[in-house]
N, C-alpha and C. Protein backbone atom coordinates (compact mmCIF):
# COMPACT_ATOMS: atom_id res chain seq x y z
N MET A 1 -24.34 44.85 -52.49
CA MET A 1 -22.95 45.08 -52.82
C MET A 1 -22.03 44.44 -51.77
N TYR A 2 -22.44 44.52 -50.53
CA TYR A 2 -21.64 43.98 -49.43
C TYR A 2 -21.33 42.50 -49.66
N PHE A 3 -22.32 41.71 -50.03
CA PHE A 3 -22.11 40.28 -50.20
C PHE A 3 -21.25 39.96 -51.42
N TRP A 4 -21.29 40.80 -52.46
CA TRP A 4 -20.40 40.59 -53.60
C TRP A 4 -18.95 40.86 -53.21
N VAL A 5 -18.75 41.91 -52.43
CA VAL A 5 -17.38 42.22 -51.97
C VAL A 5 -16.89 41.11 -51.05
N LYS A 6 -17.76 40.66 -50.16
CA LYS A 6 -17.38 39.59 -49.23
C LYS A 6 -17.08 38.29 -49.98
N THR A 7 -17.86 37.99 -50.99
CA THR A 7 -17.63 36.80 -51.81
C THR A 7 -16.27 36.87 -52.50
N ALA A 8 -15.99 38.01 -53.13
CA ALA A 8 -14.70 38.18 -53.81
C ALA A 8 -13.56 38.09 -52.80
N HIS A 9 -13.72 38.69 -51.63
CA HIS A 9 -12.69 38.62 -50.59
C HIS A 9 -12.40 37.17 -50.23
N LEU A 10 -13.45 36.38 -50.01
CA LEU A 10 -13.26 34.98 -49.66
C LEU A 10 -12.59 34.18 -50.77
N VAL A 11 -12.94 34.46 -52.02
CA VAL A 11 -12.32 33.76 -53.15
C VAL A 11 -10.82 34.05 -53.18
N PHE A 12 -10.44 35.32 -52.98
CA PHE A 12 -9.02 35.66 -53.01
C PHE A 12 -8.28 35.11 -51.78
N VAL A 13 -8.96 35.06 -50.64
CA VAL A 13 -8.34 34.45 -49.46
C VAL A 13 -8.10 32.97 -49.71
N ILE A 14 -9.07 32.29 -50.30
CA ILE A 14 -8.91 30.86 -50.60
C ILE A 14 -7.75 30.65 -51.57
N ALA A 15 -7.66 31.50 -52.60
CA ALA A 15 -6.56 31.37 -53.56
C ALA A 15 -5.21 31.60 -52.88
N TRP A 16 -5.15 32.60 -51.98
CA TRP A 16 -3.90 32.84 -51.26
C TRP A 16 -3.56 31.66 -50.35
N MET A 17 -4.55 31.14 -49.65
CA MET A 17 -4.30 30.01 -48.75
C MET A 17 -3.82 28.79 -49.53
N ALA A 18 -4.29 28.61 -50.75
CA ALA A 18 -3.80 27.50 -51.57
C ALA A 18 -2.30 27.65 -51.78
N SER A 19 -1.84 28.86 -52.03
CA SER A 19 -0.40 29.06 -52.22
C SER A 19 0.35 28.94 -50.89
N VAL A 20 -0.26 29.35 -49.80
CA VAL A 20 0.36 29.19 -48.48
C VAL A 20 0.54 27.71 -48.16
N PHE A 21 -0.43 26.89 -48.53
CA PHE A 21 -0.34 25.46 -48.27
C PHE A 21 0.64 24.76 -49.22
N TYR A 22 0.70 25.19 -50.48
CA TYR A 22 1.48 24.45 -51.46
C TYR A 22 2.95 24.84 -51.53
N LEU A 23 3.28 26.10 -51.23
CA LEU A 23 4.67 26.52 -51.32
C LEU A 23 5.60 25.69 -50.42
N PRO A 24 5.24 25.41 -49.16
CA PRO A 24 6.11 24.55 -48.35
C PRO A 24 6.24 23.14 -48.92
N ARG A 25 5.22 22.68 -49.59
CA ARG A 25 5.29 21.35 -50.22
C ARG A 25 6.33 21.35 -51.34
N ILE A 26 6.41 22.45 -52.08
CA ILE A 26 7.45 22.58 -53.10
C ILE A 26 8.82 22.57 -52.43
N LEU A 27 8.94 23.21 -51.27
CA LEU A 27 10.21 23.20 -50.55
C LEU A 27 10.59 21.78 -50.13
N VAL A 28 9.62 21.01 -49.67
CA VAL A 28 9.88 19.61 -49.31
C VAL A 28 10.41 18.87 -50.54
N ASN A 29 9.75 19.06 -51.67
CA ASN A 29 10.18 18.38 -52.89
C ASN A 29 11.58 18.83 -53.32
N LEU A 30 11.90 20.09 -53.09
CA LEU A 30 13.25 20.56 -53.41
C LEU A 30 14.30 19.87 -52.56
N THR A 31 14.00 19.63 -51.29
CA THR A 31 14.98 18.94 -50.43
C THR A 31 15.14 17.49 -50.83
N GLU A 32 14.09 16.91 -51.37
CA GLU A 32 14.12 15.48 -51.70
C GLU A 32 14.61 15.19 -53.11
N THR A 33 14.89 16.23 -53.90
CA THR A 33 15.35 16.02 -55.28
C THR A 33 16.69 16.73 -55.53
N ARG A 34 17.51 16.81 -54.52
CA ARG A 34 18.79 17.54 -54.64
C ARG A 34 19.68 16.98 -55.75
N SER A 35 19.58 15.71 -56.02
CA SER A 35 20.46 15.10 -57.03
C SER A 35 19.86 15.16 -58.44
N GLN A 36 18.75 15.87 -58.61
CA GLN A 36 18.08 15.94 -59.90
C GLN A 36 17.95 17.41 -60.34
N PRO A 37 18.97 17.97 -60.98
CA PRO A 37 18.96 19.40 -61.31
C PRO A 37 17.80 19.85 -62.19
N GLU A 38 17.38 18.99 -63.12
CA GLU A 38 16.26 19.39 -63.99
C GLU A 38 14.96 19.48 -63.21
N VAL A 39 14.77 18.59 -62.26
CA VAL A 39 13.57 18.64 -61.40
C VAL A 39 13.64 19.85 -60.49
N GLN A 40 14.83 20.11 -59.95
CA GLN A 40 15.02 21.28 -59.09
C GLN A 40 14.68 22.57 -59.84
N ALA A 41 15.15 22.69 -61.08
CA ALA A 41 14.88 23.89 -61.87
C ALA A 41 13.38 24.07 -62.08
N ARG A 42 12.69 22.98 -62.38
CA ARG A 42 11.24 23.06 -62.59
C ARG A 42 10.52 23.44 -61.29
N LEU A 43 10.94 22.84 -60.18
CA LEU A 43 10.32 23.17 -58.89
C LEU A 43 10.58 24.62 -58.49
N LEU A 44 11.78 25.11 -58.76
CA LEU A 44 12.08 26.52 -58.46
C LEU A 44 11.20 27.45 -59.28
N LEU A 45 11.02 27.14 -60.55
CA LEU A 45 10.16 27.94 -61.41
C LEU A 45 8.73 27.91 -60.89
N MET A 46 8.24 26.72 -60.59
CA MET A 46 6.89 26.59 -60.05
C MET A 46 6.74 27.38 -58.75
N GLY A 47 7.73 27.26 -57.88
CA GLY A 47 7.69 27.95 -56.60
C GLY A 47 7.67 29.46 -56.77
N ARG A 48 8.50 29.97 -57.66
CA ARG A 48 8.52 31.42 -57.89
C ARG A 48 7.19 31.92 -58.43
N LYS A 49 6.64 31.20 -59.39
CA LYS A 49 5.34 31.60 -59.94
C LYS A 49 4.25 31.54 -58.88
N LEU A 50 4.28 30.50 -58.06
CA LEU A 50 3.28 30.35 -56.99
C LEU A 50 3.43 31.47 -55.97
N TYR A 51 4.65 31.83 -55.64
CA TYR A 51 4.89 32.90 -54.67
C TYR A 51 4.36 34.23 -55.20
N ARG A 52 4.62 34.54 -56.46
CA ARG A 52 4.08 35.78 -57.06
C ARG A 52 2.55 35.74 -57.08
N PHE A 53 2.01 34.60 -57.48
CA PHE A 53 0.55 34.45 -57.50
C PHE A 53 -0.02 34.69 -56.10
N GLY A 54 0.60 34.07 -55.09
CA GLY A 54 0.12 34.21 -53.72
C GLY A 54 0.14 35.65 -53.25
N HIS A 55 1.20 36.37 -53.59
CA HIS A 55 1.25 37.78 -53.19
C HIS A 55 0.15 38.60 -53.87
N GLY A 56 -0.12 38.30 -55.13
CA GLY A 56 -1.21 39.00 -55.82
C GLY A 56 -2.55 38.72 -55.18
N MET A 57 -2.80 37.46 -54.87
CA MET A 57 -4.07 37.09 -54.25
C MET A 57 -4.20 37.72 -52.85
N PHE A 58 -3.09 37.75 -52.11
CA PHE A 58 -3.11 38.37 -50.79
C PHE A 58 -3.44 39.86 -50.91
N GLY A 59 -2.82 40.52 -51.88
CA GLY A 59 -3.08 41.95 -52.07
C GLY A 59 -4.54 42.23 -52.38
N LEU A 60 -5.12 41.45 -53.27
CA LEU A 60 -6.54 41.64 -53.59
C LEU A 60 -7.43 41.33 -52.39
N ALA A 61 -7.09 40.29 -51.64
CA ALA A 61 -7.87 39.96 -50.44
C ALA A 61 -7.81 41.08 -49.42
N VAL A 62 -6.64 41.69 -49.27
CA VAL A 62 -6.49 42.80 -48.31
C VAL A 62 -7.31 44.01 -48.75
N VAL A 63 -7.22 44.37 -50.02
CA VAL A 63 -7.98 45.52 -50.52
C VAL A 63 -9.47 45.30 -50.29
N LEU A 64 -9.95 44.12 -50.63
CA LEU A 64 -11.38 43.83 -50.42
C LEU A 64 -11.72 43.75 -48.94
N GLY A 65 -10.81 43.22 -48.13
CA GLY A 65 -11.03 43.18 -46.69
C GLY A 65 -11.13 44.57 -46.10
N LEU A 66 -10.29 45.49 -46.56
CA LEU A 66 -10.38 46.87 -46.10
C LEU A 66 -11.69 47.51 -46.52
N LEU A 67 -12.14 47.18 -47.73
CA LEU A 67 -13.44 47.68 -48.18
C LEU A 67 -14.56 47.13 -47.30
N LEU A 68 -14.45 45.87 -46.92
CA LEU A 68 -15.45 45.31 -46.01
C LEU A 68 -15.43 46.01 -44.66
N TRP A 69 -14.23 46.35 -44.21
CA TRP A 69 -14.09 46.95 -42.89
C TRP A 69 -14.55 48.41 -42.89
N PHE A 70 -14.18 49.15 -43.94
CA PHE A 70 -14.47 50.59 -43.97
C PHE A 70 -15.40 51.01 -45.09
N GLY A 71 -16.03 50.07 -45.76
CA GLY A 71 -16.88 50.38 -46.90
C GLY A 71 -18.08 51.24 -46.56
N TYR A 72 -18.53 51.18 -45.33
CA TYR A 72 -19.69 51.96 -44.92
C TYR A 72 -19.41 53.47 -45.08
N ARG A 73 -18.14 53.85 -45.09
CA ARG A 73 -17.80 55.27 -45.24
C ARG A 73 -17.91 55.74 -46.68
N PHE A 74 -17.87 54.81 -47.62
CA PHE A 74 -17.84 55.16 -49.04
C PHE A 74 -19.11 54.75 -49.80
N LEU A 75 -19.76 53.69 -49.35
CA LEU A 75 -20.91 53.16 -50.07
C LEU A 75 -22.16 53.24 -49.20
N PRO A 76 -23.23 53.81 -49.72
CA PRO A 76 -24.46 53.88 -48.92
C PRO A 76 -25.02 52.48 -48.64
N ASP A 77 -25.60 52.31 -47.49
CA ASP A 77 -26.23 51.04 -47.07
C ASP A 77 -25.25 49.87 -47.01
N PHE A 78 -23.96 50.15 -46.83
CA PHE A 78 -22.95 49.10 -46.72
C PHE A 78 -22.79 48.74 -45.26
N GLN A 79 -22.82 47.44 -44.94
CA GLN A 79 -22.67 47.01 -43.56
C GLN A 79 -21.29 47.39 -43.03
N THR A 80 -21.17 47.47 -41.72
CA THR A 80 -19.89 47.84 -41.13
C THR A 80 -19.36 46.73 -40.22
N MET A 81 -18.05 46.63 -40.18
CA MET A 81 -17.39 45.70 -39.26
C MET A 81 -16.78 46.49 -38.09
N VAL A 82 -16.95 47.82 -38.12
CA VAL A 82 -16.39 48.67 -37.07
C VAL A 82 -17.50 48.97 -36.07
N ALA A 83 -17.49 48.25 -34.98
CA ALA A 83 -18.52 48.41 -33.96
C ALA A 83 -18.04 47.74 -32.69
N PRO A 84 -18.69 48.02 -31.58
CA PRO A 84 -18.33 47.28 -30.36
C PRO A 84 -18.56 45.78 -30.57
N GLY A 85 -17.72 44.97 -29.96
CA GLY A 85 -17.87 43.53 -30.10
C GLY A 85 -17.14 42.96 -31.30
N THR A 86 -16.20 43.74 -31.85
CA THR A 86 -15.43 43.23 -32.99
C THR A 86 -13.97 42.98 -32.60
N GLY A 87 -13.74 42.63 -31.35
CA GLY A 87 -12.39 42.28 -30.92
C GLY A 87 -11.87 41.04 -31.64
N TRP A 88 -12.78 40.17 -32.03
CA TRP A 88 -12.39 38.97 -32.78
C TRP A 88 -11.67 39.35 -34.07
N MET A 89 -12.06 40.51 -34.65
CA MET A 89 -11.45 40.95 -35.89
C MET A 89 -9.97 41.27 -35.68
N HIS A 90 -9.65 41.88 -34.55
CA HIS A 90 -8.24 42.19 -34.28
C HIS A 90 -7.43 40.90 -34.08
N ALA A 91 -8.01 39.94 -33.41
CA ALA A 91 -7.34 38.65 -33.23
C ALA A 91 -7.15 37.96 -34.58
N LYS A 92 -8.17 38.01 -35.42
CA LYS A 92 -8.08 37.41 -36.75
C LYS A 92 -6.99 38.09 -37.57
N LEU A 93 -6.95 39.41 -37.53
CA LEU A 93 -5.93 40.14 -38.29
C LEU A 93 -4.53 39.83 -37.80
N ALA A 94 -4.37 39.63 -36.50
CA ALA A 94 -3.06 39.24 -35.96
C ALA A 94 -2.64 37.88 -36.52
N LEU A 95 -3.59 36.96 -36.61
CA LEU A 95 -3.29 35.64 -37.17
C LEU A 95 -2.99 35.72 -38.67
N VAL A 96 -3.67 36.61 -39.37
CA VAL A 96 -3.40 36.79 -40.80
C VAL A 96 -1.99 37.35 -41.00
N VAL A 97 -1.58 38.27 -40.14
CA VAL A 97 -0.20 38.78 -40.21
C VAL A 97 0.79 37.64 -39.96
N LEU A 98 0.46 36.77 -39.03
CA LEU A 98 1.32 35.60 -38.77
C LEU A 98 1.40 34.70 -40.01
N LEU A 99 0.28 34.49 -40.68
CA LEU A 99 0.29 33.69 -41.92
C LEU A 99 1.09 34.37 -43.02
N LEU A 100 0.98 35.69 -43.10
CA LEU A 100 1.77 36.41 -44.10
C LEU A 100 3.26 36.27 -43.81
N ALA A 101 3.65 36.39 -42.55
CA ALA A 101 5.06 36.21 -42.18
C ALA A 101 5.53 34.80 -42.54
N TYR A 102 4.70 33.82 -42.27
CA TYR A 102 5.00 32.42 -42.63
C TYR A 102 5.24 32.31 -44.14
N PHE A 103 4.35 32.91 -44.92
CA PHE A 103 4.44 32.85 -46.38
C PHE A 103 5.73 33.53 -46.86
N ILE A 104 6.08 34.64 -46.26
CA ILE A 104 7.30 35.36 -46.63
C ILE A 104 8.53 34.53 -46.29
N VAL A 105 8.54 33.88 -45.13
CA VAL A 105 9.66 32.99 -44.76
C VAL A 105 9.81 31.88 -45.80
N ALA A 106 8.71 31.27 -46.17
CA ALA A 106 8.77 30.21 -47.19
C ALA A 106 9.31 30.77 -48.50
N GLY A 107 8.89 31.97 -48.87
CA GLY A 107 9.40 32.61 -50.08
C GLY A 107 10.89 32.92 -50.01
N ARG A 108 11.35 33.33 -48.85
CA ARG A 108 12.80 33.60 -48.68
C ARG A 108 13.60 32.31 -48.78
N TRP A 109 13.06 31.24 -48.22
CA TRP A 109 13.74 29.94 -48.34
C TRP A 109 13.82 29.53 -49.81
N LEU A 110 12.74 29.74 -50.52
CA LEU A 110 12.72 29.41 -51.95
C LEU A 110 13.78 30.23 -52.70
N LYS A 111 13.83 31.51 -52.42
CA LYS A 111 14.82 32.38 -53.06
C LYS A 111 16.24 31.92 -52.70
N GLY A 112 16.42 31.52 -51.44
CA GLY A 112 17.73 31.03 -51.00
C GLY A 112 18.18 29.80 -51.76
N VAL A 113 17.24 28.90 -52.05
CA VAL A 113 17.59 27.71 -52.83
C VAL A 113 18.10 28.12 -54.20
N GLY A 114 17.45 29.11 -54.80
CA GLY A 114 17.89 29.60 -56.10
C GLY A 114 19.27 30.22 -56.05
N GLU A 115 19.67 30.70 -54.86
CA GLU A 115 21.00 31.30 -54.69
C GLU A 115 22.02 30.31 -54.15
N GLY A 116 21.62 29.03 -54.03
CA GLY A 116 22.55 28.00 -53.61
C GLY A 116 22.55 27.67 -52.13
N ARG A 117 21.69 28.29 -51.36
CA ARG A 117 21.62 27.97 -49.93
C ARG A 117 20.81 26.71 -49.73
N SER A 118 21.06 26.05 -48.62
CA SER A 118 20.32 24.81 -48.33
C SER A 118 19.07 25.11 -47.51
N LEU A 119 18.18 24.16 -47.53
CA LEU A 119 16.92 24.24 -46.79
C LEU A 119 17.00 23.41 -45.52
N PRO A 120 16.07 23.64 -44.60
CA PRO A 120 15.96 22.70 -43.47
C PRO A 120 15.66 21.30 -44.00
N SER A 121 15.70 20.33 -43.12
CA SER A 121 15.46 18.94 -43.54
C SER A 121 14.04 18.76 -44.05
N SER A 122 13.86 17.70 -44.78
CA SER A 122 12.54 17.36 -45.30
C SER A 122 11.53 17.19 -44.17
N LYS A 123 11.97 16.54 -43.10
CA LYS A 123 11.09 16.32 -41.95
C LYS A 123 10.69 17.65 -41.30
N ALA A 124 11.66 18.54 -41.13
CA ALA A 124 11.36 19.85 -40.54
C ALA A 124 10.39 20.64 -41.42
N LEU A 125 10.58 20.56 -42.73
CA LEU A 125 9.68 21.26 -43.65
C LEU A 125 8.28 20.67 -43.63
N ARG A 126 8.18 19.36 -43.41
CA ARG A 126 6.85 18.74 -43.30
C ARG A 126 6.12 19.27 -42.07
N TRP A 127 6.84 19.44 -40.96
CA TRP A 127 6.23 20.03 -39.77
C TRP A 127 5.87 21.49 -40.02
N PHE A 128 6.77 22.21 -40.69
CA PHE A 128 6.53 23.60 -41.05
C PHE A 128 5.26 23.73 -41.89
N ASN A 129 5.03 22.76 -42.73
CA ASN A 129 3.86 22.73 -43.61
C ASN A 129 2.54 22.64 -42.84
N GLU A 130 2.57 22.15 -41.61
CA GLU A 130 1.34 21.98 -40.83
C GLU A 130 0.90 23.26 -40.12
N VAL A 131 1.81 24.20 -39.93
CA VAL A 131 1.50 25.42 -39.18
C VAL A 131 0.30 26.19 -39.72
N PRO A 132 0.23 26.45 -41.05
CA PRO A 132 -0.90 27.26 -41.52
C PRO A 132 -2.26 26.58 -41.33
N VAL A 133 -2.30 25.27 -41.28
CA VAL A 133 -3.57 24.58 -41.06
C VAL A 133 -4.13 24.95 -39.68
N LEU A 134 -3.26 24.92 -38.69
CA LEU A 134 -3.68 25.24 -37.33
C LEU A 134 -4.11 26.70 -37.21
N VAL A 135 -3.35 27.59 -37.85
CA VAL A 135 -3.71 29.01 -37.80
C VAL A 135 -5.01 29.25 -38.54
N LEU A 136 -5.21 28.59 -39.67
CA LEU A 136 -6.45 28.76 -40.42
C LEU A 136 -7.66 28.30 -39.61
N VAL A 137 -7.52 27.21 -38.88
CA VAL A 137 -8.63 26.75 -38.03
C VAL A 137 -9.00 27.84 -37.03
N ALA A 138 -8.00 28.47 -36.43
CA ALA A 138 -8.27 29.54 -35.47
C ALA A 138 -8.94 30.73 -36.15
N VAL A 139 -8.49 31.09 -37.34
CA VAL A 139 -9.09 32.21 -38.08
C VAL A 139 -10.55 31.91 -38.40
N VAL A 140 -10.82 30.73 -38.91
CA VAL A 140 -12.20 30.37 -39.26
C VAL A 140 -13.08 30.38 -38.01
N TYR A 141 -12.57 29.86 -36.91
CA TYR A 141 -13.34 29.88 -35.67
C TYR A 141 -13.67 31.32 -35.26
N LEU A 142 -12.67 32.19 -35.30
CA LEU A 142 -12.90 33.58 -34.91
C LEU A 142 -13.96 34.26 -35.80
N VAL A 143 -13.88 33.99 -37.09
CA VAL A 143 -14.82 34.61 -38.03
C VAL A 143 -16.24 34.09 -37.81
N LEU A 144 -16.37 32.79 -37.58
CA LEU A 144 -17.72 32.22 -37.44
C LEU A 144 -18.31 32.45 -36.06
N ALA A 145 -17.51 32.27 -35.01
CA ALA A 145 -18.05 32.35 -33.64
C ALA A 145 -18.08 33.79 -33.13
N LYS A 146 -17.17 34.64 -33.61
CA LYS A 146 -17.06 36.01 -33.12
C LYS A 146 -17.15 36.03 -31.58
N PRO A 147 -16.20 35.34 -30.92
CA PRO A 147 -16.33 35.12 -29.48
C PRO A 147 -16.16 36.35 -28.60
N PHE A 148 -15.59 37.42 -29.14
CA PHE A 148 -15.44 38.64 -28.33
C PHE A 148 -15.39 39.86 -29.21
């Protein structure tokens, strides 16, 4: 059962990360198509749907992650992540919170565009788009190496 829960958790994390990576790209496209209202409307719709999808995937990943963390209390013979030497988990969770904050900021910018507010420059958004890649590398390292 543990590996099925872990598999589902990873699938939902991957789906959420896809939205984390793509939402800023939609923001870049919104800045570059200011003179094209029909394209802007389509991008806003896509962005809103992606943002809702991302939140759903994040929620499922969190529920399954909590089951992985505390499942041993509810399911017999379920492995536990609560033990000495799991400091890496706290570091990983801190980075996940950072990614969630990043995703929420991108969502607020998207909502602002719909309300007529402007976005940062295309160049700034391209740099903003690189942040989750670096954080994801750190998360993957922590999960695989479990350095502390």
